[in-house]
PDB file of N, CA and C in Angstrom:
ATOM      1  N   MET A   1     -18.833   3.849  50.004  1.00  0.00           N
ATOM      2  CA  MET A   1     -19.795   3.854  49.470  1.00  0.00           C
ATOM      3  C   MET A   1     -20.275   5.480  50.344  1.00  0.00           C
ATOM      4  N   SER A   2     -20.699   6.147  50.220  1.00  0.00           N
ATOM      5  CA  SER A   2     -21.188   7.386  50.684  1.00  0.00           C
ATOM      6  C   SER A   2     -22.702   6.955  51.217  1.00  0.00           C
ATOM      7  N   GLU A   3     -22.751   7.338  52.442  1.00  0.00           N
ATOM      8  CA  GLU A   3     -24.322   7.003  53.171  1.00  0.00           C
ATOM      9  C   GLU A   3     -25.159   7.780  52.400  1.00  0.00           C
ATOM     10  N   SER A   4     -25.317   8.592  52.161  1.00  0.00           N
ATOM     11  CA  SER A   4     -26.239   9.717  51.573  1.00  0.00           C
ATOM     12  C   SER A   4     -26.454   9.328  50.072  1.00  0.00           C
ATOM     13  N   THR A   5     -25.635   8.670  49.308  1.00  0.00           N
ATOM     14  CA  THR A   5     -26.510   8.064  47.799  1.00  0.00           C
ATOM     15  C   THR A   5     -26.882   6.512  48.822  1.00  0.00           C
ATOM     16  N   LEU A   6     -26.759   6.086  49.611  1.00  0.00           N
ATOM     17  CA  LEU A   6     -26.834   4.574  50.130  1.00  0.00           C
ATOM     18  C   LEU A   6     -28.428   5.193  50.449  1.00  0.00           C
ATOM     19  N   ASP A   7     -28.635   6.289  51.154  1.00  0.00           N
ATOM     20  CA  ASP A   7     -30.011   6.307  51.881  1.00  0.00           C
ATOM     21  C   ASP A   7     -30.975   6.785  50.671  1.00  0.00           C
ATOM     22  N   TYR A   8     -29.903   7.245  49.632  1.00  0.00           N
ATOM     23  CA  TYR A   8     -31.036   8.319  48.418  1.00  0.00           C
ATOM     24  C   TYR A   8     -31.565   7.037  47.609  1.00  0.00           C
ATOM     25  N   LEU A   9     -30.594   5.753  47.588  1.00  0.00           N
ATOM     26  CA  LEU A   9     -30.969   4.386  46.815  1.00  0.00           C
ATOM     27  C   LEU A   9     -32.869   3.977  47.336  1.00  0.00           C
ATOM     28  N   LEU A  10     -32.300   3.629  48.692  1.00  0.00           N
ATOM     29  CA  LEU A  10     -32.745   2.922  49.753  1.00  0.00           C
ATOM     30  C   LEU A  10     -34.404   3.699  49.450  1.00  0.00           C
ATOM     31  N   ASP A  11     -34.021   5.197  49.831  1.00  0.00           N
ATOM     32  CA  ASP A  11     -35.443   5.833  49.878  1.00  0.00           C
ATOM     33  C   ASP A  11     -36.477   5.448  48.406  1.00  0.00           C
ATOM     34  N   LEU A  12     -35.986   5.304  47.506  1.00  0.00           N
ATOM     35  CA  LEU A  12     -36.702   5.359  46.270  1.00  0.00           C
ATOM     36  C   LEU A  12     -37.066   3.615  46.931  1.00  0.00           C
ATOM     37  N   ASP A  13     -36.964   2.725  47.424  1.00  0.00           N
ATOM     38  CA  ASP A  13     -37.569   1.404  47.319  1.00  0.00           C
ATOM     39  C   ASP A  13     -38.965   1.475  47.647  1.00  0.00           C
ATOM     40  N   GLY A  14     -39.809   0.915  46.817  1.00  0.00           N
ATOM     41  CA  GLY A  14     -41.414   0.939  46.435  1.00  0.00           C
ATOM     42  C   GLY A  14     -41.919   2.245  45.867  1.00  0.00           C
ATOM     43  N   GLN A  15     -40.821   2.891  44.991  1.00  0.00           N
ATOM     44  CA  GLN A  15     -41.225   3.863  44.210  1.00  0.00           C
ATOM     45  C   GLN A  15     -41.842   3.460  42.807  1.00  0.00           C
ATOM     46  N   ILE A  16     -42.652   3.836  42.250  1.00  0.00           N
ATOM     47  CA  ILE A  16     -43.262   3.856  41.132  1.00  0.00           C
ATOM     48  C   ILE A  16     -43.914   5.054  40.445  1.00  0.00           C
ATOM     49  N   ILE A  17     -43.124   5.316  39.382  1.00  0.00           N
ATOM     50  CA  ILE A  17     -42.860   7.029  39.149  1.00  0.00           C
ATOM     51  C   ILE A  17     -43.488   6.872  37.573  1.00  0.00           C
ATOM     52  N   ALA A  18     -44.288   7.457  37.047  1.00  0.00           N
ATOM     53  CA  ALA A  18     -44.835   7.471  35.094  1.00  0.00           C
ATOM     54  C   ALA A  18     -43.672   8.501  34.981  1.00  0.00           C
ATOM     55  N   VAL A  19     -42.956   7.606  33.664  1.00  0.00           N
ATOM     56  CA  VAL A  19     -42.217   8.803  33.315  1.00  0.00           C
ATOM     57  C   VAL A  19     -42.387   9.594  32.104  1.00  0.00           C
ATOM     58  N   ASN A  20     -44.038   8.690  31.319  1.00  0.00           N
ATOM     59  CA  ASN A  20     -44.762   9.635  30.712  1.00  0.00           C
ATOM     60  C   ASN A  20     -46.034   8.825  30.197  1.00  0.00           C
ATOM     61  N   GLU A  21     -46.916   8.708  28.883  1.00  0.00           N
ATOM     62  CA  GLU A  21     -48.554   8.375  29.251  1.00  0.00           C
ATOM     63  C   GLU A  21     -48.224   6.335  28.790  1.00  0.00           C
ATOM     64  N   ASN A  22     -46.671   6.595  28.404  1.00  0.00           N
ATOM     65  CA  ASN A  22     -46.551   4.521  27.795  1.00  0.00           C
ATOM     66  C   ASN A  22     -45.385   3.846  28.975  1.00  0.00           C
ATOM     67  N   TYR A  23     -44.693   4.736  29.755  1.00  0.00           N
ATOM     68  CA  TYR A  23     -44.132   4.081  30.486  1.00  0.00           C
ATOM     69  C   TYR A  23     -43.572   4.322  31.978  1.00  0.00           C
ATOM     70  N   PHE A  24     -43.271   3.530  32.648  1.00  0.00           N
ATOM     71  CA  PHE A  24     -43.251   4.033  34.719  1.00  0.00           C
ATOM     72  C   PHE A  24     -42.164   3.102  34.774  1.00  0.00           C
ATOM     73  N   VAL A  25     -41.289   3.508  35.919  1.00  0.00           N
ATOM     74  CA  VAL A  25     -40.090   2.963  36.874  1.00  0.00           C
ATOM     75  C   VAL A  25     -40.612   2.354  38.051  1.00  0.00           C
ATOM     76  N   LYS A  26     -40.095   1.047  38.088  1.00  0.00           N
ATOM     77  CA  LYS A  26     -40.003   0.706  39.610  1.00  0.00           C
ATOM     78  C   LYS A  26     -38.728   0.294  40.366  1.00  0.00           C
ATOM     79  N   PHE A  27     -38.894   1.078  41.505  1.00  0.00           N
ATOM     80  CA  PHE A  27     -37.478   0.779  42.218  1.00  0.00           C
ATOM     81  C   PHE A  27     -37.737   0.065  43.420  1.00  0.00           C
ATOM     82  N   LYS A  28     -36.664  -1.398  43.650  1.00  0.00           N
ATOM     83  CA  LYS A  28     -36.642  -1.745  44.639  1.00  0.00           C
ATOM     84  C   LYS A  28     -34.984  -1.678  45.196  1.00  0.00           C
ATOM     85  N   ALA A  29     -34.918  -1.821  46.160  1.00  0.00           N
ATOM     86  CA  ALA A  29     -33.808  -1.513  47.004  1.00  0.00           C
ATOM     87  C   ALA A  29     -33.908  -1.607  48.582  1.00  0.00           C
ATOM     88  N   SER A  30     -32.997  -2.692  48.936  1.00  0.00           N
ATOM     89  CA  SER A  30     -32.747  -3.121  50.560  1.00  0.00           C
ATOM     90  C   SER A  30     -31.504  -3.682  50.531  1.00  0.00           C
ATOM     91  N   ARG A  31     -30.965  -3.532  51.852  1.00  0.00           N
ATOM     92  CA  ARG A  31     -29.732  -3.732  52.560  1.00  0.00           C
ATOM     93  C   ARG A  31     -29.582  -5.125  52.769  1.00  0.00           C
ATOM     94  N   VAL A  32     -28.300  -6.022  52.796  1.00  0.00           N
ATOM     95  CA  VAL A  32     -28.583  -7.408  52.809  1.00  0.00           C
ATOM     96  C   VAL A  32     -27.318  -7.518  53.448  1.00  0.00           C
ATOM     97  N   GLU A  33     -26.667  -8.713  53.717  1.00  0.00           N
ATOM     98  CA  GLU A  33     -25.255  -8.864  53.915  1.00  0.00           C
ATOM     99  C   GLU A  33     -25.400  -9.077  52.944  1.00  0.00           C
ATOM    100  N   PRO A  34     -23.501  -8.539  53.135  1.00  0.00           N
ATOM    101  CA  PRO A  34     -22.470  -8.336  51.601  1.00  0.00           C
ATOM    102  C   PRO A  34     -22.293  -9.831  52.001  1.00  0.00           C
ATOM    103  N   THR A  35     -22.173 -10.348  50.353  1.00  0.00           N
ATOM    104  CA  THR A  35     -21.734 -11.260  49.863  1.00  0.00           C
ATOM    105  C   THR A  35     -20.837 -11.432  49.139  1.00  0.00           C
ATOM    106  N   LYS A  36     -20.169 -12.527  48.522  1.00  0.00           N
ATOM    107  CA  LYS A  36     -19.371 -12.514  47.408  1.00  0.00           C
ATOM    108  C   LYS A  36     -19.838 -11.604  46.461  1.00  0.00           C
ATOM    109  N   TRP A  37     -21.175 -12.232  46.172  1.00  0.00           N
ATOM    110  CA  TRP A  37     -21.848 -11.999  45.079  1.00  0.00           C
ATOM    111  C   TRP A  37     -22.596 -10.550  44.887  1.00  0.00           C
ATOM    112  N   LYS A  38     -22.475 -10.223  46.085  1.00  0.00           N
ATOM    113  CA  LYS A  38     -23.033  -8.559  46.695  1.00  0.00           C
ATOM    114  C   LYS A  38     -22.008  -7.567  47.336  1.00  0.00           C
ATOM    115  N   PRO A  39     -21.360  -7.875  47.395  1.00  0.00           N
ATOM    116  CA  PRO A  39     -20.529  -7.506  48.410  1.00  0.00           C
ATOM    117  C   PRO A  39     -20.715  -5.843  48.810  1.00  0.00           C
ATOM    118  N   HIS A  40     -21.648  -5.421  48.037  1.00  0.00           N
ATOM    119  CA  HIS A  40     -21.702  -3.605  48.830  1.00  0.00           C
ATOM    120  C   HIS A  40     -22.979  -3.665  49.486  1.00  0.00           C
ATOM    121  N   GLY A  41     -23.645  -4.990  49.604  1.00  0.00           N
ATOM    122  CA  GLY A  41     -24.458  -5.399  50.931  1.00  0.00           C
ATOM    123  C   GLY A  41     -26.064  -4.702  50.373  1.00  0.00           C
ATOM    124  N   ILE A  42     -26.259  -4.855  49.174  1.00  0.00           N
ATOM    125  CA  ILE A  42     -27.170  -3.895  48.410  1.00  0.00           C
ATOM    126  C   ILE A  42     -27.956  -5.103  47.776  1.00  0.00           C
ATOM    127  N   SER A  43     -29.598  -5.257  47.401  1.00  0.00           N
ATOM    128  CA  SER A  43     -30.224  -6.165  46.684  1.00  0.00           C
ATOM    129  C   SER A  43     -30.958  -4.535  46.247  1.00  0.00           C
ATOM    130  N   TYR A  44     -31.058  -4.678  45.015  1.00  0.00           N
ATOM    131  CA  TYR A  44     -31.563  -3.787  44.075  1.00  0.00           C
ATOM    132  C   TYR A  44     -31.999  -3.900  42.527  1.00  0.00           C
ATOM    133  N   SER A  45     -33.265  -3.527  42.033  1.00  0.00           N
ATOM    134  CA  SER A  45     -33.966  -3.752  40.831  1.00  0.00           C
ATOM    135  C   SER A  45     -34.380  -2.371  40.440  1.00  0.00           C
ATOM    136  N   LEU A  46     -33.872  -1.747  39.719  1.00  0.00           N
ATOM    137  CA  LEU A  46     -34.379  -0.639  38.597  1.00  0.00           C
ATOM    138  C   LEU A  46     -35.085  -0.963  37.158  1.00  0.00           C
ATOM    139  N   THR A  47     -35.888  -0.598  37.131  1.00  0.00           N
ATOM    140  CA  THR A  47     -36.582  -1.168  36.109  1.00  0.00           C
ATOM    141  C   THR A  47     -37.854  -0.287  35.168  1.00  0.00           C
ATOM    142  N   LEU A  48     -37.858  -0.312  34.024  1.00  0.00           N
ATOM    143  CA  LEU A  48     -38.601   0.019  32.753  1.00  0.00           C
ATOM    144  C   LEU A  48     -39.196  -0.825  32.295  1.00  0.00           C
ATOM    145  N   HIS A  49     -40.678   0.119  32.870  1.00  0.00           N
ATOM    146  CA  HIS A  49     -41.983  -0.513  32.172  1.00  0.00           C
ATOM    147  C   HIS A  49     -43.035  -0.021  31.049  1.00  0.00           C
ATOM    148  N   ASP A  50     -43.330  -0.804  30.233  1.00  0.00           N
ATOM    149  CA  ASP A  50     -44.301  -0.666  29.258  1.00  0.00           C
ATOM    150  C   ASP A  50     -45.712  -0.079  30.074  1.00  0.00           C
ATOM    151  N   ARG A  51     -46.996   0.607  29.548  1.00  0.00           N
ATOM    152  CA  ARG A  51     -48.002   0.476  30.324  1.00  0.00           C
ATOM    153  C   ARG A  51     -48.845  -0.639  30.480  1.00  0.00           C
ATOM    154  N   TYR A  52     -48.241  -2.184  29.919  1.00  0.00           N
ATOM    155  CA  TYR A  52     -48.377  -3.710  29.839  1.00  0.00           C
ATOM    156  C   TYR A  52     -48.189  -3.982  30.808  1.00  0.00           C
ATOM    157  N   ASN A  53     -47.624  -2.974  32.248  1.00  0.00           N
ATOM    158  CA  ASN A  53     -46.324  -3.519  33.088  1.00  0.00           C
ATOM    159  C   ASN A  53     -45.694  -4.866  32.850  1.00  0.00           C
ATOM    160  N   LYS A  54     -44.692  -4.769  31.502  1.00  0.00           N
ATOM    161  CA  LYS A  54     -43.670  -5.634  30.762  1.00  0.00           C
ATOM    162  C   LYS A  54     -42.415  -4.810  31.034  1.00  0.00           C
ATOM    163  N   ARG A  55     -41.842  -5.215  31.959  1.00  0.00           N
ATOM    164  CA  ARG A  55     -39.788  -4.995  31.925  1.00  0.00           C
ATOM    165  C   ARG A  55     -39.638  -5.116  30.490  1.00  0.00           C
ATOM    166  N   VAL A  56     -39.234  -3.619  29.944  1.00  0.00           N
ATOM    167  CA  VAL A  56     -38.754  -3.625  28.698  1.00  0.00           C
ATOM    168  C   VAL A  56     -36.869  -3.455  29.002  1.00  0.00           C
ATOM    169  N   MET A  57     -36.635  -2.707  30.124  1.00  0.00           N
ATOM    170  CA  MET A  57     -34.998  -2.569  30.588  1.00  0.00           C
ATOM    171  C   MET A  57     -35.016  -2.455  32.043  1.00  0.00           C
ATOM    172  N   GLY A  58     -33.748  -2.547  32.632  1.00  0.00           N
ATOM    173  CA  GLY A  58     -33.383  -2.737  33.883  1.00  0.00           C
ATOM    174  C   GLY A  58     -32.141  -3.166  34.214  1.00  0.00           C
ATOM    175  N   PHE A  59     -31.862  -2.296  35.834  1.00  0.00           N
ATOM    176  CA  PHE A  59     -30.415  -2.744  36.258  1.00  0.00           C
ATOM    177  C   PHE A  59     -30.830  -3.357  37.505  1.00  0.00           C
ATOM    178  N   ASP A  60     -30.472  -4.892  37.890  1.00  0.00           N
ATOM    179  CA  ASP A  60     -30.429  -5.174  39.091  1.00  0.00           C
ATOM    180  C   ASP A  60     -29.514  -6.559  39.356  1.00  0.00           C
ATOM    181  N   ASN A  61     -29.152  -6.910  40.159  1.00  0.00           N
ATOM    182  CA  ASN A  61     -28.543  -8.132  41.063  1.00  0.00           C
ATOM    183  C   ASN A  61     -29.525  -9.174  41.638  1.00  0.00           C
ATOM    184  N   ALA A  62     -30.224  -9.554  40.692  1.00  0.00           N
ATOM    185  CA  ALA A  62     -30.885 -10.555  41.379  1.00  0.00           C
ATOM    186  C   ALA A  62     -30.299 -12.167  41.137  1.00  0.00           C
ATOM    187  N   HIS A  63     -29.417 -11.592  39.825  1.00  0.00           N
ATOM    188  CA  HIS A  63     -28.978 -13.501  39.979  1.00  0.00           C
ATOM    189  C   HIS A  63     -27.788 -13.097  38.986  1.00  0.00           C
ATOM    190  N   ALA A  64     -26.801 -14.369  38.697  1.00  0.00           N
ATOM    191  CA  ALA A  64     -25.835 -13.932  37.935  1.00  0.00           C
ATOM    192  C   ALA A  64     -26.003 -14.011  36.226  1.00  0.00           C
ATOM    193  N   VAL A  65     -25.031 -13.542  35.888  1.00  0.00           N
ATOM    194  CA  VAL A  65     -24.992 -13.637  34.737  1.00  0.00           C
ATOM    195  C   VAL A  65     -23.713 -13.598  33.539  1.00  0.00           C
ATOM    196  N   ASP A  66     -23.534 -14.317  32.598  1.00  0.00           N
ATOM    197  CA  ASP A  66     -22.248 -14.443  31.732  1.00  0.00           C
ATOM    198  C   ASP A  66     -21.265 -13.475  31.528  1.00  0.00           C
ATOM    199  N   PRO A  67     -20.171 -13.130  31.282  1.00  0.00           N
ATOM    200  CA  PRO A  67     -19.488 -11.861  31.074  1.00  0.00           C
ATOM    201  C   PRO A  67     -19.530 -12.335  29.543  1.00  0.00           C
ATOM    202  N   PRO A  68     -19.290 -11.264  28.805  1.00  0.00           N
ATOM    203  CA  PRO A  68     -18.848 -11.706  27.617  1.00  0.00           C
ATOM    204  C   PRO A  68     -17.537 -11.927  27.653  1.00  0.00           C
ATOM    205  N   ARG A  69     -17.364 -13.613  26.890  1.00  0.00           N
ATOM    206  CA  ARG A  69     -16.257 -14.471  26.412  1.00  0.00           C
ATOM    207  C   ARG A  69     -15.014 -13.484  25.374  1.00  0.00           C
ATOM    208  N   LYS A  70     -13.995 -13.588  26.213  1.00  0.00           N
ATOM    209  CA  LYS A  70     -12.839 -12.541  25.261  1.00  0.00           C
ATOM    210  C   LYS A  70     -11.450 -13.396  24.836  1.00  0.00           C
ATOM    211  N   GLY A  71     -12.639 -14.826  24.530  1.00  0.00           N
ATOM    212  CA  GLY A  71     -11.150 -15.486  23.978  1.00  0.00           C
ATOM    213  C   GLY A  71     -11.158 -16.803  24.165  1.00  0.00           C
ATOM    214  N   TYR A  72     -10.465 -18.267  23.553  1.00  0.00           N
ATOM    215  CA  TYR A  72     -10.274 -19.481  23.886  1.00  0.00           C
ATOM    216  C   TYR A  72      -9.894 -19.306  25.376  1.00  0.00           C
ATOM    217  N   GLY A  73     -10.269 -20.327  26.714  1.00  0.00           N
ATOM    218  CA  GLY A  73      -9.531 -20.463  27.313  1.00  0.00           C
ATOM    219  C   GLY A  73      -9.536 -19.535  28.755  1.00  0.00           C
ATOM    220  N   CYS A  74     -10.701 -18.246  28.772  1.00  0.00           N
ATOM    221  CA  CYS A  74     -10.587 -17.030  29.284  1.00  0.00           C
ATOM    222  C   CYS A  74     -11.481 -18.156  30.596  1.00  0.00           C
ATOM    223  N   ARG A  75     -11.066 -17.617  31.719  1.00  0.00           N
ATOM    224  CA  ARG A  75     -11.868 -17.969  32.922  1.00  0.00           C
ATOM    225  C   ARG A  75     -13.124 -17.158  32.986  1.00  0.00           C
ATOM    226  N   LYS A  76     -14.014 -17.869  33.424  1.00  0.00           N
ATOM    227  CA  LYS A  76     -15.530 -17.686  33.327  1.00  0.00           C
ATOM    228  C   LYS A  76     -15.644 -16.794  34.973  1.00  0.00           C
ATOM    229  N   VAL A  77     -16.111 -15.547  35.052  1.00  0.00           N
ATOM    230  CA  VAL A  77     -16.021 -14.840  36.347  1.00  0.00           C
ATOM    231  C   VAL A  77     -17.522 -14.572  36.353  1.00  0.00           C
ATOM    232  N   VAL A  78     -18.324 -15.181  37.219  1.00  0.00           N
ATOM    233  CA  VAL A  78     -19.562 -14.819  37.543  1.00  0.00           C
ATOM    234  C   VAL A  78     -19.504 -13.506  37.854  1.00  0.00           C
ATOM    235  N   GLU A  79     -20.907 -12.589  37.297  1.00  0.00           N
ATOM    236  CA  GLU A  79     -21.291 -11.198  37.727  1.00  0.00           C
ATOM    237  C   GLU A  79     -23.024 -11.141  38.313  1.00  0.00           C
ATOM    238  N   TYR A  80     -23.055 -10.459  39.476  1.00  0.00           N
ATOM    239  CA  TYR A  80     -24.184 -10.442  39.941  1.00  0.00           C
ATOM    240  C   TYR A  80     -25.112  -8.960  39.456  1.00  0.00           C
ATOM    241  N   ASP A  81     -24.324  -8.145  39.572  1.00  0.00           N
ATOM    242  CA  ASP A  81     -24.599  -6.756  38.942  1.00  0.00           C
ATOM    243  C   ASP A  81     -24.496  -6.760  37.483  1.00  0.00           C
ATOM    244  N   HIS A  82     -25.825  -6.816  37.106  1.00  0.00           N
ATOM    245  CA  HIS A  82     -26.215  -6.025  35.574  1.00  0.00           C
ATOM    246  C   HIS A  82     -27.026  -5.625  35.512  1.00  0.00           C
ATOM    247  N   LYS A  83     -27.295  -5.029  33.655  1.00  0.00           N
ATOM    248  CA  LYS A  83     -28.424  -4.673  33.019  1.00  0.00           C
ATOM    249  C   LYS A  83     -28.528  -5.032  31.894  1.00  0.00           C
ATOM    250  N   HIS A  84     -29.776  -5.042  31.840  1.00  0.00           N
ATOM    251  CA  HIS A  84     -31.073  -5.833  30.898  1.00  0.00           C
ATOM    252  C   HIS A  84     -31.232  -4.926  29.596  1.00  0.00           C
ATOM    253  N   ARG A  85     -30.809  -4.413  27.979  1.00  0.00           N
ATOM    254  CA  ARG A  85     -30.716  -3.683  27.934  1.00  0.00           C
ATOM    255  C   ARG A  85     -32.091  -3.698  27.148  1.00  0.00           C
ATOM    256  N   HIS A  86     -32.989  -4.454  26.659  1.00  0.00           N
ATOM    257  CA  HIS A  86     -34.017  -4.786  26.176  1.00  0.00           C
ATOM    258  C   HIS A  86     -34.876  -5.794  26.530  1.00  0.00           C
ATOM    259  N   HIS A  87     -36.030  -5.858  26.695  1.00  0.00           N
ATOM    260  CA  HIS A  87     -36.419  -7.391  26.992  1.00  0.00           C
ATOM    261  C   HIS A  87     -36.464  -8.595  26.860  1.00  0.00           C
ATOM    262  N   LEU A  88     -35.612  -8.599  25.902  1.00  0.00           N
ATOM    263  CA  LEU A  88     -35.393 -10.107  25.649  1.00  0.00           C
ATOM    264  C   LEU A  88     -34.106 -10.249  25.853  1.00  0.00           C
ATOM    265  N   ASP A  89     -33.103  -9.285  26.672  1.00  0.00           N
ATOM    266  CA  ASP A  89     -31.776  -9.289  26.744  1.00  0.00           C
ATOM    267  C   ASP A  89     -31.630 -10.050  28.344  1.00  0.00           C
ATOM    268  N   LYS A  90     -30.823 -10.995  28.776  1.00  0.00           N
ATOM    269  CA  LYS A  90     -30.551 -11.876  29.655  1.00  0.00           C
ATOM    270  C   LYS A  90     -29.858 -11.178  30.627  1.00  0.00           C
ATOM    271  N   GLY A  91     -29.031  -9.989  30.165  1.00  0.00           N
ATOM    272  CA  GLY A  91     -28.194  -9.499  30.654  1.00  0.00           C
ATOM    273  C   GLY A  91     -26.719  -9.581  30.839  1.00  0.00           C
ATOM    274  N   VAL A  92     -26.653  -8.211  30.508  1.00  0.00           N
ATOM    275  CA  VAL A  92     -24.869  -7.935  30.407  1.00  0.00           C
ATOM    276  C   VAL A  92     -24.175  -7.554  31.885  1.00  0.00           C
ATOM    277  N   PRO A  93     -23.084  -7.773  32.276  1.00  0.00           N
ATOM    278  CA  PRO A  93     -22.639  -6.993  33.120  1.00  0.00           C
ATOM    279  C   PRO A  93     -22.181  -5.326  33.337  1.00  0.00           C
ATOM    280  N   TYR A  94     -22.847  -5.051  34.454  1.00  0.00           N
ATOM    281  CA  TYR A  94     -22.810  -3.784  34.912  1.00  0.00           C
ATOM    282  C   TYR A  94     -21.494  -3.514  36.128  1.00  0.00           C
ATOM    283  N   GLU A  95     -20.721  -2.486  35.666  1.00  0.00           N
ATOM    284  CA  GLU A  95     -20.106  -2.186  37.083  1.00  0.00           C
ATOM    285  C   GLU A  95     -20.531  -1.222  38.053  1.00  0.00           C
ATOM    286  N   PHE A  96     -20.719  -1.857  39.437  1.00  0.00           N
ATOM    287  CA  PHE A  96     -21.323  -1.249  40.114  1.00  0.00           C
ATOM    288  C   PHE A  96     -20.521  -0.560  41.059  1.00  0.00           C
ATOM    289  N   THR A  97     -20.444   0.808  40.966  1.00  0.00           N
ATOM    290  CA  THR A  97     -19.347   2.139  41.890  1.00  0.00           C
ATOM    291  C   THR A  97     -19.933   2.313  42.839  1.00  0.00           C
ATOM    292  N   ASP A  98     -20.980   3.140  43.496  1.00  0.00           N
ATOM    293  CA  ASP A  98     -21.941   3.259  44.183  1.00  0.00           C
ATOM    294  C   ASP A  98     -23.243   3.611  43.968  1.00  0.00           C
ATOM    295  N   PRO A  99     -24.350   3.802  45.022  1.00  0.00           N
ATOM    296  CA  PRO A  99     -25.673   3.628  44.399  1.00  0.00           C
ATOM    297  C   PRO A  99     -25.974   5.073  44.011  1.00  0.00           C
ATOM    298  N   GLY A 100     -25.184   5.850  43.939  1.00  0.00           N
ATOM    299  CA  GLY A 100     -25.961   7.860  43.331  1.00  0.00           C
ATOM    300  C   GLY A 100     -25.541   7.185  41.378  1.00  0.00           C
ATOM    301  N   GLN A 101     -24.138   6.605  41.670  1.00  0.00           N
ATOM    302  CA  GLN A 101     -24.193   6.035  40.590  1.00  0.00           C
ATOM    303  C   GLN A 101     -24.965   5.052  39.609  1.00  0.00           C
ATOM    304  N   LEU A 102     -25.236   4.433  39.918  1.00  0.00           N
ATOM    305  CA  LEU A 102     -26.341   3.251  39.916  1.00  0.00           C
ATOM    306  C   LEU A 102     -27.670   4.180  39.289  1.00  0.00           C
ATOM    307  N   VAL A 103     -28.260   5.164  40.079  1.00  0.00           N
ATOM    308  CA  VAL A 103     -29.966   5.416  39.961  1.00  0.00           C
ATOM    309  C   VAL A 103     -29.066   6.682  38.594  1.00  0.00           C
ATOM    310  N   ALA A 104     -28.013   7.160  38.792  1.00  0.00           N
ATOM    311  CA  ALA A 104     -27.604   8.061  37.251  1.00  0.00           C
ATOM    312  C   ALA A 104     -28.171   7.250  36.433  1.00  0.00           C
ATOM    313  N   ASP A 105     -26.719   6.182  36.232  1.00  0.00           N
ATOM    314  CA  ASP A 105     -26.680   5.260  35.162  1.00  0.00           C
ATOM    315  C   ASP A 105     -28.584   4.894  34.369  1.00  0.00           C
ATOM    316  N   PHE A 106     -28.965   4.251  35.534  1.00  0.00           N
ATOM    317  CA  PHE A 106     -30.389   3.571  35.246  1.00  0.00           C
ATOM    318  C   PHE A 106     -31.555   5.231  34.093  1.00  0.00           C
ATOM    319  N   TRP A 107     -31.230   6.362  35.213  1.00  0.00           N
ATOM    320  CA  TRP A 107     -32.270   7.127  34.527  1.00  0.00           C
ATOM    321  C   TRP A 107     -31.308   7.873  32.996  1.00  0.00           C
ATOM    322  N   ALA A 108     -30.591   7.440  33.172  1.00  0.00           N
ATOM    323  CA  ALA A 108     -29.703   7.501  31.598  1.00  0.00           C
ATOM    324  C   ALA A 108     -29.948   6.526  30.986  1.00  0.00           C
ATOM    325  N   ALA A 109     -30.008   5.432  31.005  1.00  0.00           N
ATOM    326  CA  ALA A 109     -30.545   4.202  30.533  1.00  0.00           C
ATOM    327  C   ALA A 109     -32.015   4.127  29.720  1.00  0.00           C
ATOM    328  N   VAL A 110     -32.646   4.850  30.857  1.00  0.00           N
ATOM    329  CA  VAL A 110     -34.514   5.351  30.129  1.00  0.00           C
ATOM    330  C   VAL A 110     -34.345   6.300  29.517  1.00  0.00           C
ATOM    331  N   ASP A 111     -33.135   7.421  29.680  1.00  0.00           N
ATOM    332  CA  ASP A 111     -33.280   8.251  29.106  1.00  0.00           C
ATOM    333  C   ASP A 111     -33.244   7.702  27.500  1.00  0.00           C
ATOM    334  N   GLU A 112     -32.070   6.842  26.662  1.00  0.00           N
ATOM    335  CA  GLU A 112     -31.695   6.583  25.860  1.00  0.00           C
ATOM    336  C   GLU A 112     -32.681   5.236  25.425  1.00  0.00           C
ATOM    337  N   TYR A 113     -33.307   5.019  26.098  1.00  0.00           N
ATOM    338  CA  TYR A 113     -34.199   3.608  25.644  1.00  0.00           C
ATOM    339  C   TYR A 113     -35.458   4.371  24.791  1.00  0.00           C
ATOM    340  N   LEU A 114     -35.803   5.125  25.567  1.00  0.00           N
ATOM    341  CA  LEU A 114     -37.323   5.847  25.411  1.00  0.00           C
ATOM    342  C   LEU A 114     -36.511   7.133  23.772  1.00  0.00           C
ATOM    343  N   GLU A 115     -35.395   7.633  24.157  1.00  0.00           N
ATOM    344  CA  GLU A 115     -34.901   8.151  23.004  1.00  0.00           C
ATOM    345  C   GLU A 115     -35.494   7.494  21.477  1.00  0.00           C
ATOM    346  N   LYS A 116     -34.982   6.069  21.966  1.00  0.00           N
ATOM    347  CA  LYS A 116     -34.526   5.258  20.722  1.00  0.00           C
ATOM    348  C   LYS A 116     -36.278   4.555  20.025  1.00  0.00           C
ATOM    349  N   LYS A 117     -37.077   5.216  20.937  1.00  0.00           N
ATOM    350  CA  LYS A 117     -38.635   4.870  20.760  1.00  0.00           C
ATOM    351  C   LYS A 117     -39.377   5.580  20.230  1.00  0.00           C
ATOM    352  N   SER A 118     -38.996   7.009  20.396  1.00  0.00           N
ATOM    353  CA  SER A 118     -39.197   8.092  19.619  1.00  0.00           C
ATOM    354  C   SER A 118     -39.629   8.479  18.173  1.00  0.00           C
TER     355      SER A 118
END
């Protein structure tokens, strides 16, 4: 993991950025002790909110999500890195590669979400 992309993500911690008149994003990111569930040593939450402060989409690793089942008898693997594609989504696994890619994927998802809303 690149220290510069990690520093970039950590520098976003606490930032709230207006995207347009109806939406804004919030960033939370901090170092944590690496664990089995957060092996990269980062706790993060990157979220898109509507003007009523309702989270409508986001990426985080705050809780476990079940991966999609691929057939009978498949082994359950608990994933912590995940994304919420809309406000009712309980989360689907997200493949974390590095902090820079996380931020890029988040902004791409924000653009995609807003495109569908326009």
